Amino acid sequence: MDELIFKNKVKLYREKQGFSQSKLAEMVGTTRQTIIAIEKGTFSPTAKLAYLLCLALEVRFESLFYFE
């Protein structure tokens, strides 16, 4: 089986909501650098942070995160 890669659409939904990286970071209790790393795919959020991102961005988990 091929390796699954965990991906996300955080940047897309963040921009749709009109949030800056800093604003989103503040809303979910993390740093702008963490949001940057998540958007670039170089960092996978914890389950708690993924849940908070879904709440902040008003989107379901399976719409925000996916495997490719």
Protein backbone atom coordinates (compact mmCIF):
# COMPACT_ATOMS: atom_id res chain seq x y z
CA MET A 1 0.00 0.00 0.00
CA ASP A 2 1.27 3.46 -0.85
CA GLU A 3 2.05 5.90 1.93
CA LEU A 4 -0.84 8.21 2.84
CA ILE A 5 -0.01 11.89 3.14
CA PHE A 6 -2.03 13.99 5.60
CA LYS A 7 -3.06 17.24 3.88
CA ASN A 8 -5.27 20.18 4.71
CA LYS A 9 -7.15 23.15 3.33
CA VAL A 10 -6.51 25.46 6.28
CA LYS A 11 -5.22 28.31 4.11
CA LEU A 12 -8.22 28.10 1.77
CA TYR A 13 -10.78 28.21 4.59
CA ARG A 14 -8.79 30.80 6.58
CA GLU A 15 -8.79 33.14 3.59
CA LYS A 16 -12.52 32.49 2.98
CA GLN A 17 -13.19 33.63 6.55
CA GLY A 18 -10.94 36.67 6.07
CA PHE A 19 -8.63 35.71 8.93
CA SER A 20 -4.92 36.46 9.00
CA GLN A 21 -2.58 33.72 10.15
CA SER A 22 -2.05 35.69 13.36
CA LYS A 23 -5.80 36.02 14.01
CA LEU A 24 -6.41 32.31 13.47
CA ALA A 25 -3.47 31.44 15.71
CA GLU A 26 -4.89 33.65 18.45
CA MET A 27 -8.35 32.08 18.08
CA VAL A 28 -7.03 28.54 18.54
CA GLY A 29 -4.33 29.27 21.11
CA THR A 30 -1.21 28.68 19.07
CA THR A 31 1.41 30.70 17.22
CA ARG A 32 1.45 32.15 13.73
CA GLN A 33 4.48 29.95 13.01
CA THR A 34 2.39 26.86 13.80
CA ILE A 35 -0.37 27.99 11.43
CA ILE A 36 2.26 28.58 8.72
CA ALA A 37 3.71 25.08 9.26
CA ILE A 38 0.24 23.47 9.14
CA GLU A 39 -0.64 25.33 5.92
CA LYS A 40 2.65 24.27 4.32
CA GLY A 41 2.12 20.66 5.41
CA THR A 42 5.33 20.52 7.42
CA PHE A 43 3.47 20.06 10.72
CA SER A 44 0.43 17.91 11.50
CA PRO A 45 -1.77 19.35 14.24
CA THR A 46 -2.76 17.39 17.31
CA ALA A 47 -6.33 16.14 17.43
CA LYS A 48 -7.21 18.98 19.81
CA LEU A 49 -5.70 21.66 17.57
CA ALA A 50 -7.36 20.15 14.48
CA TYR A 51 -10.71 20.27 16.31
CA LEU A 52 -10.16 23.90 17.34
CA LEU A 53 -9.26 24.82 13.76
CA CYS A 54 -12.49 23.23 12.54
CA LEU A 55 -14.49 25.23 15.09
CA ALA A 56 -12.70 28.51 14.30
CA LEU A 57 -13.06 28.04 10.54
CA GLU A 58 -16.63 26.69 10.83
CA VAL A 59 -15.89 23.63 8.71
CA ARG A 60 -16.17 19.88 9.22
CA PHE A 61 -13.00 17.89 9.88
CA GLU A 62 -13.28 15.88 6.66
CA SER A 63 -13.54 19.08 4.63
CA LEU A 64 -10.49 20.64 6.28
CA PHE A 65 -8.22 17.59 6.51
CA TYR A 66 -7.75 14.69 4.10
CA PHE A 67 -5.31 11.99 3.01
CA GLU A 68 -3.78 11.84 -0.42
